[in-house]
Amino acid sequence: MARSRETKIELTAYDDLFETDQSREEAALSKIRDIPIAEIDEFPDHPFKVLMDEDMEQLVDSIKRSGVMTPATVRLKEDGRYELISGHRRKKACELAGLETLKCEVKELTRDEAIIVMVESNLQRSAILPSEKAFAYKMRLEAMNRQGQRSDLTSVPVAQKSENKTSREKLGELVGESQDQIRRYIRLTELVPEILQMVDERQIAFRPAVEISYLTEGQQYTLLEAIVTDQIPF
């Protein structure tokens, strides 16, 4: 009797596991759907720009011919609307193509999980501006910090030594940057918008821009005025 009971338990457990795998596949498929663009909100403080360039024109043409091949990623908000996590260029291209819906995968993510996915997906772009990296790295590290990991953001000019890896070190390993370089990029978020734009436009080199970030806002605007009037070359 005992042997029969053990065999029955093993078979039932195997069947339950098989049903669970199948239900998971069905659940994943059911989360890909066409969502009205009017119901999709932009990601708050999204650091990556959507440029109206030749690549966008090609994307619009591709979507007109074949539709959206790779679904965007969204999460359902408390108010019933959706928040766009990845796929901002695809969303804009659909709007330009005259479409009213966007093919999306709906994921259940917390705010910090959404930030991490958003940053990681956009860092795959071939061309990223310094300002985009700066704010993306900062958002990513702040999310890691809220999840209980260490995060030394911009408080020290030299990387601190520690037996345990900091969030900055972990992020550096993920994106192929040293922790000092991660710190330098985040320092750019301390620049006034006009100077940061000059960094993006390569009018000011990266390293001098990092040094400028340690100036106060007033000092930065005084420096900016001197740069504009050609008193200081960069």
Protein backbone atom coordinates (compact mmCIF):
# COMPACT_ATOMS: atom_id res chain seq x y z
CA MET A 1 0.00 0.00 0.00
CA ALA A 2 2.84 2.39 0.91
CA ARG A 3 4.63 1.75 -2.41
CA SER A 4 1.42 2.37 -4.39
CA ARG A 5 0.84 5.62 -2.54
CA GLU A 6 4.41 6.84 -3.27
CA THR A 7 4.08 6.06 -7.00
CA LYS A 8 0.80 7.96 -7.20
CA ILE A 9 2.35 11.03 -5.56
CA GLU A 10 5.28 11.05 -8.02
CA LEU A 11 2.97 10.80 -11.05
CA THR A 12 0.70 13.54 -9.78
CA ALA A 13 3.66 15.85 -9.14
CA TYR A 14 4.95 15.27 -12.70
CA ASP A 15 1.51 15.99 -14.20
CA ASP A 16 1.18 19.16 -12.16
CA LEU A 17 4.60 20.32 -13.34
CA PHE A 18 3.69 19.68 -17.00
CA GLU A 19 0.43 21.61 -16.64
CA THR A 20 2.26 24.49 -14.98
CA ASP A 21 4.77 24.80 -17.85
CA GLN A 22 1.96 24.76 -20.41
CA SER A 23 -0.05 27.36 -18.52
CA ARG A 24 3.01 29.58 -18.30
CA GLU A 25 3.49 29.47 -22.08
CA GLU A 26 -0.17 30.34 -22.62
CA ALA A 27 0.06 33.17 -20.08
CA ALA A 28 3.13 34.60 -21.83
CA LEU A 29 1.38 34.58 -25.20
CA SER A 30 -1.73 36.20 -23.75
CA LYS A 31 0.35 39.14 -22.53
CA ILE A 32 1.28 40.18 -26.09
CA ARG A 33 -1.51 42.33 -27.47
CA ASP A 34 -2.28 45.37 -29.59
CA ILE A 35 -2.83 48.31 -27.25
CA PRO A 36 -4.27 51.68 -28.33
CA ILE A 37 -1.43 54.20 -28.45
CA ALA A 38 -3.72 56.73 -26.74
CA GLU A 39 -3.69 54.49 -23.63
CA ILE A 40 0.12 54.31 -23.39
CA ASP A 41 1.96 56.90 -21.28
CA GLU A 42 5.63 57.80 -21.64
CA PHE A 43 8.08 56.56 -19.02
CA PRO A 44 8.62 59.31 -16.38
CA ASP A 45 11.94 61.14 -16.82
CA HIS A 46 12.87 58.92 -19.75
CA PRO A 47 16.53 59.83 -20.41
CA PHE A 48 16.76 58.65 -24.02
CA LYS A 49 15.79 60.94 -26.89
CA VAL A 50 13.63 59.87 -29.85
CA LEU A 51 15.30 61.50 -32.85
CA MET A 52 13.56 62.33 -36.10
CA ASP A 53 16.42 61.13 -38.29
CA GLU A 54 17.03 58.79 -41.21
CA ASP A 55 16.80 55.74 -38.96
CA MET A 56 13.33 56.84 -37.87
CA GLU A 57 12.25 57.26 -41.50
CA GLN A 58 13.42 53.72 -42.24
CA LEU A 59 11.60 52.38 -39.18
CA VAL A 60 8.38 54.10 -40.25
CA ASP A 61 8.67 52.58 -43.74
CA SER A 62 9.33 49.13 -42.25
CA ILE A 63 6.29 49.36 -39.97
CA LYS A 64 4.10 50.46 -42.87
CA ARG A 65 5.20 47.38 -44.82
CA SER A 66 5.40 44.70 -42.15
CA GLY A 67 4.05 46.11 -38.91
CA VAL A 68 5.92 46.02 -35.58
CA MET A 69 8.11 42.91 -35.57
CA THR A 70 9.35 43.15 -31.98
CA PRO A 71 6.72 44.05 -29.36
CA ALA A 72 7.29 47.04 -27.12
CA THR A 73 7.28 46.46 -23.37
CA VAL A 74 4.71 48.08 -21.10
CA ARG A 75 3.38 47.66 -17.60
CA LEU A 76 -0.16 48.18 -16.36
CA LYS A 77 -0.54 51.22 -14.11
CA GLU A 78 -2.87 51.54 -11.14
CA ASP A 79 -5.17 53.85 -13.10
CA GLY A 80 -5.69 51.21 -15.81
CA ARG A 81 -3.46 52.92 -18.37
CA TYR A 82 -0.13 51.54 -19.60
CA GLU A 83 3.40 52.82 -19.07
CA LEU A 84 5.91 52.39 -21.88
CA ILE A 85 9.15 50.77 -20.69
CA SER A 86 10.92 49.97 -23.95
CA GLY A 87 9.90 50.75 -27.52
CA HIS A 88 9.71 54.55 -27.54
CA ARG A 89 11.05 54.72 -31.11
CA ARG A 90 8.59 52.04 -32.23
CA LYS A 91 5.72 53.93 -30.61
CA LYS A 92 6.68 57.17 -32.35
CA ALA A 93 7.13 55.35 -35.66
CA CYS A 94 3.66 53.84 -35.35
CA GLU A 95 2.21 57.31 -34.76
CA LEU A 96 4.03 58.64 -37.84
CA ALA A 97 2.81 55.65 -39.85
CA GLY A 98 -0.77 56.50 -38.92
CA LEU A 99 -1.37 53.44 -36.74
CA GLU A 100 -3.63 53.64 -33.70
CA THR A 101 -2.27 50.61 -31.83
CA LEU A 102 1.13 49.29 -30.78
CA LYS A 103 2.01 45.62 -30.35
CA CYS A 104 3.14 45.27 -26.73
CA GLU A 105 4.16 42.70 -24.16
CA VAL A 106 2.57 43.50 -20.82
CA LYS A 107 4.86 42.73 -17.87
CA GLU A 108 4.23 42.85 -14.15
CA LEU A 109 7.05 45.05 -12.87
CA THR A 110 7.65 47.28 -9.88
CA ARG A 111 8.83 50.86 -10.43
CA ASP A 112 12.48 49.93 -9.83
CA GLU A 113 12.26 46.79 -11.96
CA ALA A 114 10.78 48.89 -14.75
CA ILE A 115 13.64 51.39 -14.49
CA ILE A 116 16.22 48.62 -14.76
CA VAL A 117 14.54 47.08 -17.80
CA MET A 118 14.13 50.49 -19.44
CA VAL A 119 17.79 51.40 -19.01
CA GLU A 120 19.16 48.03 -20.06
CA SER A 121 17.01 47.85 -23.19
CA ASN A 122 17.96 51.37 -24.33
CA LEU A 123 21.67 50.92 -23.67
CA GLN A 124 21.65 48.47 -26.60
CA ARG A 125 21.38 51.42 -29.00
CA SER A 126 24.33 51.94 -31.34
CA ALA A 127 24.62 55.67 -30.62
CA ILE A 128 24.01 57.12 -27.16
CA LEU A 129 24.56 60.74 -26.13
CA PRO A 130 26.60 61.53 -22.99
CA SER A 131 23.53 63.09 -21.35
CA GLU A 132 21.51 59.94 -22.04
CA LYS A 133 24.13 57.73 -20.41
CA ALA A 134 24.43 60.16 -17.50
CA PHE A 135 20.77 60.12 -16.50
CA ALA A 136 20.31 56.45 -17.39
CA TYR A 137 23.20 55.38 -15.17
CA LYS A 138 21.93 57.57 -12.33
CA MET A 139 18.39 56.16 -12.55
CA ARG A 140 19.76 52.61 -12.70
CA LEU A 141 21.97 53.04 -9.65
CA GLU A 142 19.22 54.74 -7.64
CA ALA A 143 16.92 51.81 -8.43
CA MET A 144 19.62 49.37 -7.30
CA ASN A 145 20.05 51.36 -4.11
CA ARG A 146 16.33 51.22 -3.33
CA GLN A 147 16.49 47.47 -3.83
CA GLY A 148 18.98 47.27 -0.95
CA GLN A 149 22.29 47.44 -2.80
CA ARG A 150 25.09 49.96 -2.20
CA SER A 151 25.24 52.92 -4.52
CA ASP A 152 28.01 55.58 -4.35
CA LEU A 153 26.68 58.14 -6.81
CA THR A 154 28.44 61.48 -7.11
CA SER A 155 29.59 62.28 -3.62
CA VAL A 156 33.30 61.47 -4.00
CA PRO A 157 35.77 62.32 -6.78
CA VAL A 158 37.73 59.09 -6.34
CA ALA A 159 36.26 55.59 -6.29
CA GLN A 160 36.13 54.11 -2.80
CA LYS A 161 37.76 50.78 -2.05
CA SER A 162 35.56 48.08 -0.57
CA GLU A 163 35.68 44.35 -0.06
CA ASN A 164 32.13 44.17 -1.41
CA LYS A 165 31.30 45.37 -4.89
CA THR A 166 29.39 48.61 -5.06
CA SER A 167 26.42 49.07 -7.35
CA ARG A 168 28.63 51.26 -9.49
CA GLU A 169 31.08 48.39 -9.96
CA LYS A 170 28.26 45.97 -10.80
CA LEU A 171 26.77 48.37 -13.32
CA GLY A 172 30.20 48.96 -14.81
CA GLU A 173 30.61 45.24 -15.40
CA LEU A 174 27.22 45.10 -17.12
CA VAL A 175 27.87 48.00 -19.50
CA GLY A 176 31.62 47.60 -19.98
CA GLU A 177 32.66 50.75 -18.09
CA SER A 178 34.92 51.23 -15.07
CA GLN A 179 33.26 52.41 -11.87
CA ASP A 180 35.17 55.68 -12.18
CA GLN A 181 33.73 56.20 -15.65
CA ILE A 182 30.24 55.48 -14.32
CA ARG A 183 30.84 58.14 -11.67
CA ARG A 184 32.06 60.63 -14.29
CA TYR A 185 28.97 60.14 -16.42
CA ILE A 186 26.68 60.65 -13.44
CA ARG A 187 28.53 63.88 -12.60
CA LEU A 188 27.22 65.26 -15.92
CA THR A 189 23.71 65.32 -14.42
CA GLU A 190 24.96 68.19 -12.23
CA LEU A 191 25.55 70.40 -15.27
CA VAL A 192 23.13 73.16 -16.23
CA PRO A 193 21.10 72.20 -19.33
CA GLU A 194 22.90 74.61 -21.66
CA ILE A 195 26.34 73.21 -20.85
CA LEU A 196 25.09 69.62 -20.98
CA GLN A 197 23.75 70.27 -24.46
CA MET A 198 27.17 71.56 -25.49
CA VAL A 199 28.65 68.27 -24.26
CA ASP A 200 26.17 66.32 -26.39
CA GLU A 201 27.06 68.49 -29.37
CA ARG A 202 30.80 67.94 -28.70
CA GLN A 203 31.46 71.61 -28.15
CA ILE A 204 32.84 70.72 -24.72
CA ALA A 205 34.93 67.59 -24.19
CA PHE A 206 33.87 64.95 -21.70
CA ARG A 207 36.63 65.32 -19.07
CA PRO A 208 36.45 69.16 -18.84
CA ALA A 209 32.66 68.81 -18.54
CA VAL A 210 33.10 66.52 -15.54
CA GLU A 211 35.30 69.13 -13.86
CA ILE A 212 32.76 71.88 -14.63
CA SER A 213 30.06 69.79 -12.91
CA TYR A 214 31.69 70.53 -9.54
CA LEU A 215 30.99 74.26 -9.96
CA THR A 216 27.84 75.81 -8.51
CA GLU A 217 24.97 76.66 -10.83
CA GLY A 218 25.88 80.34 -10.72
CA GLN A 219 29.52 79.62 -11.51
CA GLN A 220 28.50 77.41 -14.41
CA TYR A 221 26.38 80.17 -15.95
CA THR A 222 29.23 82.64 -15.51
CA LEU A 223 31.53 80.18 -17.28
CA LEU A 224 28.91 79.63 -19.98
CA GLU A 225 28.76 83.35 -20.68
CA ALA A 226 32.54 83.42 -21.01
CA ILE A 227 32.47 80.45 -23.39
CA VAL A 228 29.78 82.01 -25.55
CA THR A 229 31.71 85.28 -25.83
CA ASP A 230 34.86 83.31 -26.80
CA GLN A 231 36.71 84.28 -23.68
CA ILE A 232 37.40 80.65 -22.89
CA PRO A 233 38.08 78.13 -25.69
CA PHE A 234 37.06 74.47 -25.39
